[in-house]
Amino acid sequence: MESSLNARFKTKLHLGTILLLSLFLCNTSFARKLPQFEIHTLNTSASFRAISVVDDSVVWLGGSKGTVCLSTNGGVNWKILTVKGFETADFRSLYAFDSLHAVVANAGSPAVILITKDAGQTWKEVYRNADTAAFFDGIDFWNNKKGVIYGDPIRGRLLMLETIDGGNYWLPVLAPVIPKLPNGEASFAASCSNVHCLPNGGFVIATGGVGSHLMFTKSRCTSFDTISTPMNHTSSTTGVFSFTVDKHGNGILVGGDYKNDTSTINHNFICRKWGKRWIKPIKPTRGYRECVIQLKGKRYLAIGPNGADYSANGGMNWQAASDIKGLHTVRKARKGKLVVAAGQKGIIAIVK
């Protein structure tokens, strides 16, 4: 009897050990899958809210104090440039085609678009809008020729321009096509990620403030649809600050209140079929987030001034990825695996 009890006890102990070991290995394996942040600080006091990661080698940054940075070896070394004549500009919109050719635009009036074709050695002004309300918020391209840039409303309608020659010439989108916004609703230039071109030729813009909407066109500016989002829009500091979306209207929205970055009031949602269904995450991000990207499949990364969060299941559950402070924007290479984040006072992170 005693030996039988001992045998049973030993069996249970053995099974318990196996279970604990399995849980440990599972957790360890899961932890290893969390993104790792390799932090660097560039030799500049500029802050960055615009980034374009072309491939696993070429990365461009746009920042304050007229600063543009270029890396051609995956973020290891950087060339730090100040655009002559624009030393006080805040470049929050940027799109790069390769190591030589990039387009940048400043946030603020006069709203100016510049282009370089020699890796930032010289810049050409290709557009200027002196309206006091002009303020560029974001830029994106479908390919090396066709792109769109947009900004805050002027007389109730978003400033919106198109190019069909790689950014050399910009043509205003006709105002009647653009939906009118109420006073107090605009868009945020926090991370140059509130506009996305879609594979089918359309594009999407997100707004915030006293209203929070997704505005999208499926046929390049011939007409727009506008859908309300459930994101917090109780003041001028709230709304959608970044989103991902596919051609079917499925994606993830992040944002919140930039004056209260720990608030989790309606700051993070999953969108299905252009707003026909909104899903609140079971475990949302830990607060205000300025940028979200899809890493691969159902894996997403969201960052903000107080940290970064990671989801492995399509945005339903988020967990802490890093407590690094001051990051504003992040991108994954359009061709490749490189992921780079950037933020205040020259801080950057290579995300692995």
Protein backbone atom coordinates (compact mmCIF):
# COMPACT_ATOMS: atom_id res chain seq x y z
CA MET A 1 0.00 0.00 0.00
CA GLU A 2 2.76 2.40 0.94
CA SER A 3 4.78 1.63 -2.16
CA SER A 4 1.67 2.12 -4.31
CA LEU A 5 1.01 5.55 -2.78
CA ASN A 6 4.63 6.52 -3.27
CA ALA A 7 4.47 5.45 -6.90
CA ARG A 8 1.34 7.52 -7.45
CA PHE A 9 2.88 10.50 -5.70
CA LYS A 10 6.03 10.23 -7.79
CA THR A 11 3.93 9.93 -10.96
CA LYS A 12 1.95 13.09 -10.08
CA LEU A 13 5.15 14.90 -9.18
CA HIS A 14 6.69 13.85 -12.48
CA LEU A 15 3.63 14.99 -14.44
CA GLY A 16 3.57 18.28 -12.54
CA THR A 17 7.23 18.86 -13.32
CA ILE A 18 6.61 18.18 -17.00
CA LEU A 19 3.64 20.61 -16.99
CA LEU A 20 5.62 23.36 -15.31
CA LEU A 21 8.55 22.79 -17.64
CA SER A 22 6.22 22.92 -20.65
CA LEU A 23 4.68 26.17 -19.46
CA PHE A 24 8.14 27.63 -18.88
CA LEU A 25 9.33 26.59 -22.32
CA CYS A 26 6.12 27.94 -23.89
CA ASN A 27 6.51 31.29 -22.15
CA THR A 28 10.20 31.45 -22.97
CA SER A 29 9.49 30.65 -26.61
CA PHE A 30 6.72 33.25 -26.71
CA ALA A 31 8.97 35.86 -25.09
CA ARG A 32 11.60 35.21 -27.72
CA LYS A 33 9.05 36.13 -30.39
CA LEU A 34 8.51 39.60 -28.94
CA PRO A 35 10.12 42.37 -30.98
CA GLN A 36 13.50 43.46 -29.63
CA PHE A 37 14.50 47.15 -29.79
CA GLU A 38 18.11 48.00 -30.57
CA ILE A 39 18.41 51.65 -29.56
CA HIS A 40 20.67 54.22 -31.22
CA THR A 41 20.91 57.99 -30.82
CA LEU A 42 21.87 60.09 -33.81
CA ASN A 43 24.13 63.10 -33.44
CA THR A 44 21.28 65.59 -33.74
CA SER A 45 18.74 67.25 -31.47
CA ALA A 46 16.04 66.96 -34.17
CA SER A 47 12.89 64.94 -33.54
CA PHE A 48 11.51 62.60 -36.21
CA ARG A 49 7.92 61.87 -37.18
CA ALA A 50 8.44 60.77 -40.78
CA ILE A 51 10.21 57.64 -41.96
CA SER A 52 10.45 55.70 -45.21
CA VAL A 53 12.09 52.26 -45.23
CA VAL A 54 12.66 51.33 -48.86
CA ASP A 55 14.36 47.96 -48.36
CA ASP A 56 16.73 46.24 -45.94
CA SER A 57 19.41 48.85 -46.68
CA VAL A 58 17.82 52.23 -47.47
CA VAL A 59 16.08 54.27 -44.76
CA TRP A 60 15.15 57.97 -44.80
CA LEU A 61 13.99 60.11 -41.85
CA GLY A 62 12.25 63.49 -41.86
CA GLY A 63 12.41 65.68 -38.78
CA SER A 64 12.40 69.06 -37.13
CA LYS A 65 14.98 71.81 -37.66
CA GLY A 66 15.00 71.12 -41.38
CA THR A 67 16.63 67.74 -40.80
CA VAL A 68 16.63 64.79 -43.18
CA CYS A 69 18.66 61.64 -42.49
CA LEU A 70 19.69 58.81 -44.81
CA SER A 71 21.09 55.35 -44.10
CA THR A 72 22.19 53.00 -46.86
CA ASN A 73 23.23 50.10 -44.62
CA GLY A 74 20.08 49.27 -42.69
CA GLY A 75 20.34 51.96 -40.02
CA VAL A 76 23.91 51.27 -38.91
CA ASN A 77 25.36 54.53 -40.22
CA TRP A 78 23.54 57.76 -41.02
CA LYS A 79 24.09 60.87 -43.09
CA ILE A 80 22.50 63.82 -41.28
CA LEU A 81 21.45 66.68 -43.56
CA THR A 82 19.97 70.11 -42.97
CA VAL A 83 18.00 71.36 -45.98
CA LYS A 84 19.36 74.76 -46.90
CA GLY A 85 16.78 77.52 -46.60
CA PHE A 86 14.47 75.32 -44.49
CA GLU A 87 16.42 75.20 -41.23
CA THR A 88 13.27 75.80 -39.15
CA ALA A 89 10.99 73.45 -41.09
CA ASP A 90 9.45 70.37 -39.50
CA PHE A 91 9.43 67.63 -42.13
CA ARG A 92 6.61 65.31 -41.03
CA SER A 93 5.77 63.90 -44.47
CA LEU A 94 8.35 61.86 -46.37
CA TYR A 95 8.41 59.17 -49.04
CA ALA A 96 11.60 57.70 -50.51
CA PHE A 97 11.94 55.69 -53.72
CA ASP A 98 15.59 54.67 -53.35
CA SER A 99 18.89 55.93 -51.93
CA LEU A 100 18.86 58.99 -54.21
CA HIS A 101 15.24 60.03 -54.76
CA ALA A 102 12.90 61.22 -51.98
CA VAL A 103 10.04 63.67 -51.43
CA VAL A 104 9.51 65.62 -48.19
CA ALA A 105 6.95 68.16 -47.01
CA ASN A 106 6.84 70.34 -43.92
CA ALA A 107 4.10 70.66 -41.34
CA GLY A 108 2.99 74.29 -41.14
CA SER A 109 2.49 77.33 -43.31
CA PRO A 110 3.68 77.95 -45.91
CA ALA A 111 3.18 74.31 -46.88
CA VAL A 112 6.09 73.29 -49.11
CA ILE A 113 7.00 70.09 -50.98
CA LEU A 114 10.65 69.42 -51.82
CA ILE A 115 12.28 66.71 -53.92
CA THR A 116 15.84 65.40 -54.10
CA LYS A 117 17.41 63.13 -56.71
CA ASP A 118 20.98 63.16 -55.39
CA ALA A 119 20.65 61.66 -51.89
CA GLY A 120 19.76 64.98 -50.28
CA GLN A 121 22.69 67.03 -51.50
CA THR A 122 20.33 69.39 -53.33
CA TRP A 123 16.60 69.96 -53.06
CA LYS A 124 14.08 71.47 -55.45
CA GLU A 125 10.88 73.15 -54.30
CA VAL A 126 8.02 71.72 -56.35
CA TYR A 127 4.97 73.10 -54.51
CA ARG A 128 4.14 75.95 -52.14
CA ASN A 129 0.86 76.96 -50.48
CA ALA A 130 0.96 80.20 -48.48
CA ASP A 131 -2.54 79.85 -46.97
CA THR A 132 -2.24 80.22 -43.21
CA ALA A 133 -4.33 77.06 -42.74
CA ALA A 134 -2.05 74.92 -44.95
CA PHE A 135 -0.46 72.07 -42.97
CA PHE A 136 0.66 68.79 -44.56
CA ASP A 137 -0.17 65.63 -42.58
CA GLY A 138 0.99 62.69 -44.70
CA ILE A 139 2.11 61.28 -48.02
CA ASP A 140 2.00 57.91 -49.78
CA PHE A 141 2.58 56.46 -53.25
CA TRP A 142 1.09 53.62 -55.25
CA ASN A 143 4.29 53.20 -57.26
CA ASN A 144 7.32 55.24 -58.35
CA LYS A 145 5.13 57.67 -60.28
CA LYS A 146 1.69 58.04 -58.75
CA GLY A 147 1.18 59.41 -55.25
CA VAL A 148 -0.97 61.55 -52.98
CA ILE A 149 -0.27 64.07 -50.23
CA TYR A 150 -2.84 65.65 -47.94
CA GLY A 151 -3.15 68.17 -45.12
CA ASP A 152 -5.49 69.92 -42.71
CA PRO A 153 -8.72 71.46 -44.00
CA ILE A 154 -8.68 74.78 -45.82
CA ARG A 155 -12.15 76.30 -45.79
CA GLY A 156 -13.58 73.02 -44.57
CA ARG A 157 -11.96 70.60 -47.02
CA LEU A 158 -8.72 68.67 -46.66
CA LEU A 159 -5.81 69.99 -48.69
CA MET A 160 -5.20 67.17 -51.19
CA LEU A 161 -2.79 66.85 -54.11
CA GLU A 162 -1.84 64.14 -56.61
CA THR A 163 1.28 63.44 -58.64
CA ILE A 164 1.78 61.17 -61.63
CA ASP A 165 5.48 61.84 -62.23
CA GLY A 166 7.21 60.81 -59.02
CA GLY A 167 6.60 64.05 -57.14
CA ASN A 168 7.99 66.56 -59.62
CA TYR A 169 4.59 68.16 -60.19
CA TRP A 170 1.52 68.18 -57.93
CA LEU A 171 -2.06 68.78 -59.04
CA PRO A 172 -4.78 69.78 -56.53
CA VAL A 173 -7.73 67.42 -56.18
CA LEU A 174 -10.92 69.32 -57.07
CA ALA A 175 -12.56 70.60 -53.89
CA PRO A 176 -16.15 69.40 -54.61
CA VAL A 177 -14.90 65.80 -54.59
CA ILE A 178 -13.43 66.08 -51.08
CA PRO A 179 -15.91 65.65 -48.20
CA LYS A 180 -16.41 68.74 -46.07
CA LEU A 181 -15.35 68.52 -42.42
CA PRO A 182 -16.89 70.39 -39.48
CA ASN A 183 -14.84 72.92 -37.55
CA GLY A 184 -12.63 71.08 -35.10
CA GLU A 185 -12.06 67.96 -37.22
CA ALA A 186 -8.78 67.49 -39.06
CA SER A 187 -5.99 64.92 -39.26
CA PHE A 188 -2.82 64.27 -37.27
CA ALA A 189 0.75 64.51 -38.55
CA ALA A 190 2.11 62.49 -35.63
CA SER A 191 3.77 59.70 -37.63
CA CYS A 192 3.03 60.17 -41.36
CA SER A 193 0.78 57.10 -41.19
CA ASN A 194 -2.75 58.50 -41.46
CA VAL A 195 -2.89 58.00 -45.24
CA HIS A 196 -2.49 54.72 -47.13
CA CYS A 197 -2.61 53.99 -50.85
CA LEU A 198 -4.44 50.77 -51.69
CA PRO A 199 -3.42 48.17 -54.30
CA ASN A 200 -6.63 48.76 -56.25
CA GLY A 201 -5.81 52.42 -56.89
CA GLY A 202 -7.75 54.00 -54.03
CA PHE A 203 -6.49 55.48 -50.77
CA VAL A 204 -7.68 56.05 -47.19
CA ILE A 205 -7.28 58.99 -44.80
CA ALA A 206 -8.12 59.06 -41.09
CA THR A 207 -9.29 62.10 -39.13
CA GLY A 208 -9.67 63.12 -35.51
CA GLY A 209 -10.68 65.98 -33.25
CA VAL A 210 -14.39 66.60 -32.66
CA GLY A 211 -15.06 63.88 -35.24
CA SER A 212 -13.16 60.73 -36.18
CA HIS A 213 -13.64 59.21 -39.62
CA LEU A 214 -12.11 57.11 -42.33
CA MET A 215 -12.38 58.77 -45.73
CA PHE A 216 -11.65 56.49 -48.65
CA THR A 217 -11.81 56.45 -52.42
CA LYS A 218 -11.66 53.30 -54.50
CA SER A 219 -10.88 55.06 -57.76
CA ARG A 220 -8.28 57.76 -57.12
CA CYS A 221 -10.18 60.89 -56.17
CA THR A 222 -13.29 60.54 -58.32
CA SER A 223 -15.49 60.18 -55.22
CA PHE A 224 -15.11 59.56 -51.49
CA ASP A 225 -16.96 57.53 -48.89
CA THR A 226 -16.83 58.59 -45.23
CA ILE A 227 -17.45 56.29 -42.28
CA SER A 228 -17.58 57.18 -38.60
CA THR A 229 -15.22 55.36 -36.26
CA PRO A 230 -15.84 54.57 -32.58
CA MET A 231 -12.52 56.18 -31.62
CA ASN A 232 -12.57 58.77 -28.86
CA HIS A 233 -13.26 62.17 -30.45
CA THR A 234 -14.14 64.35 -27.49
CA SER A 235 -11.62 67.12 -28.16
CA SER A 236 -9.09 68.45 -30.67
CA THR A 237 -6.41 66.19 -29.16
CA THR A 238 -8.23 62.89 -29.72
CA GLY A 239 -8.98 60.53 -32.59
CA VAL A 240 -7.22 58.21 -35.01
CA PHE A 241 -3.47 58.85 -35.13
CA SER A 242 -2.51 55.85 -37.25
CA PHE A 243 -4.07 52.85 -38.94
CA THR A 244 -3.49 49.85 -41.15
CA VAL A 245 -5.95 48.78 -43.83
CA ASP A 246 -6.18 46.34 -46.73
CA LYS A 247 -8.15 46.62 -49.97
CA HIS A 248 -11.14 44.94 -48.29
CA GLY A 249 -11.37 47.57 -45.55
CA ASN A 250 -9.95 45.42 -42.76
CA GLY A 251 -7.40 46.93 -40.41
CA ILE A 252 -6.39 48.31 -37.03
CA LEU A 253 -6.83 51.83 -35.64
CA VAL A 254 -4.74 53.33 -32.85
CA GLY A 255 -4.71 56.76 -31.26
CA GLY A 256 -6.21 58.22 -28.13
CA ASP A 257 -5.49 61.56 -26.54
CA TYR A 258 -2.00 62.99 -26.98
CA LYS A 259 -2.46 65.16 -23.89
CA ASN A 260 -3.27 62.08 -21.81
CA ASP A 261 -1.06 59.31 -23.17
CA THR A 262 -2.06 56.72 -20.55
CA SER A 263 -5.78 57.01 -21.30
CA THR A 264 -7.35 53.87 -22.79
CA ILE A 265 -10.78 55.36 -23.52
CA ASN A 266 -11.81 54.09 -26.98
CA HIS A 267 -8.25 54.44 -28.27
CA ASN A 268 -7.78 51.16 -30.16
CA PHE A 269 -10.14 49.25 -32.51
CA ILE A 270 -10.20 46.58 -35.19
CA CYS A 271 -12.09 47.49 -38.37
CA ARG A 272 -13.89 44.96 -40.57
CA LYS A 273 -15.22 45.62 -44.09
CA TRP A 274 -15.02 49.41 -44.06
CA GLY A 275 -16.62 49.85 -40.69
CA LYS A 276 -19.48 47.38 -41.06
CA ARG A 277 -18.09 45.86 -37.89
CA TRP A 278 -15.92 47.38 -35.17
CA ILE A 279 -14.18 45.14 -32.65
CA LYS A 280 -12.77 46.37 -29.37
CA PRO A 281 -9.63 44.40 -28.42
CA ILE A 282 -9.81 42.06 -25.46
CA LYS A 283 -6.55 43.57 -24.24
CA PRO A 284 -5.83 46.92 -25.95
CA THR A 285 -2.59 48.85 -26.22
CA ARG A 286 -1.39 50.42 -22.98
CA GLY A 287 -2.41 53.94 -23.95
CA TYR A 288 -2.03 56.56 -26.65
CA ARG A 289 -0.27 55.22 -29.75
CA GLU A 290 0.95 57.31 -32.67
CA CYS A 291 1.84 54.59 -35.17
CA VAL A 292 0.84 51.01 -35.95
CA ILE A 293 2.26 48.64 -38.57
CA GLN A 294 1.67 45.08 -39.67
CA LEU A 295 4.85 43.06 -39.25
CA LYS A 296 3.69 39.83 -40.90
CA GLY A 297 0.43 37.91 -40.94
CA LYS A 298 -1.40 38.59 -37.68
CA ARG A 299 1.58 40.23 -35.98
CA TYR A 300 1.35 43.99 -35.35
CA LEU A 301 3.44 46.62 -33.59
CA ALA A 302 2.15 49.90 -32.15
CA ILE A 303 4.32 52.64 -30.68
CA GLY A 304 3.84 55.89 -28.82
CA PRO A 305 5.66 58.31 -26.53
CA ASN A 306 5.32 56.03 -23.49
CA GLY A 307 6.17 52.66 -25.03
CA ALA A 308 5.52 49.99 -27.63
CA ASP A 309 2.98 47.15 -27.76
CA TYR A 310 2.83 43.94 -29.77
CA SER A 311 -0.03 41.73 -30.92
CA ALA A 312 0.37 38.23 -32.33
CA ASN A 313 -3.32 37.64 -33.01
CA GLY A 314 -4.48 40.41 -35.31
CA GLY A 315 -4.88 43.11 -32.70
CA MET A 316 -7.18 41.25 -30.31
CA ASN A 317 -4.60 41.08 -27.53
CA TRP A 318 -1.69 43.48 -27.04
CA GLN A 319 1.23 43.11 -24.68
CA ALA A 320 4.16 45.30 -23.72
CA ALA A 321 7.01 45.07 -26.21
CA SER A 322 9.14 47.92 -24.83
CA ASP A 323 8.99 50.77 -22.32
CA ILE A 324 11.27 52.95 -24.42
CA LYS A 325 10.13 56.56 -24.28
CA GLY A 326 9.82 59.10 -27.06
CA LEU A 327 9.30 57.05 -30.23
CA HIS A 328 6.83 58.56 -32.72
CA THR A 329 6.93 56.58 -35.96
CA VAL A 330 7.86 53.11 -37.26
CA ARG A 331 7.97 51.39 -40.65
CA LYS A 332 8.71 48.00 -42.14
CA ALA A 333 10.67 47.82 -45.39
CA ARG A 334 8.47 47.84 -48.48
CA LYS A 335 10.87 45.26 -49.92
CA GLY A 336 12.44 43.27 -47.10
CA LYS A 337 12.23 42.63 -43.36
CA LEU A 338 13.94 45.67 -41.83
CA VAL A 339 11.86 47.55 -39.24
CA VAL A 340 12.99 50.97 -37.99
CA ALA A 341 11.41 53.35 -35.47
CA ALA A 342 12.31 56.98 -34.77
CA GLY A 343 11.37 59.72 -32.35
CA GLN A 344 12.46 62.65 -30.29
CA LYS A 345 15.98 64.07 -29.97
CA GLY A 346 17.60 61.80 -32.52
CA ILE A 347 16.46 58.50 -31.03
CA ILE A 348 16.00 55.57 -33.39
CA ALA A 349 15.42 51.86 -32.89
CA ILE A 350 16.14 48.89 -35.11
CA VAL A 351 13.33 46.45 -34.33
CA LYS A 352 14.21 42.77 -34.60
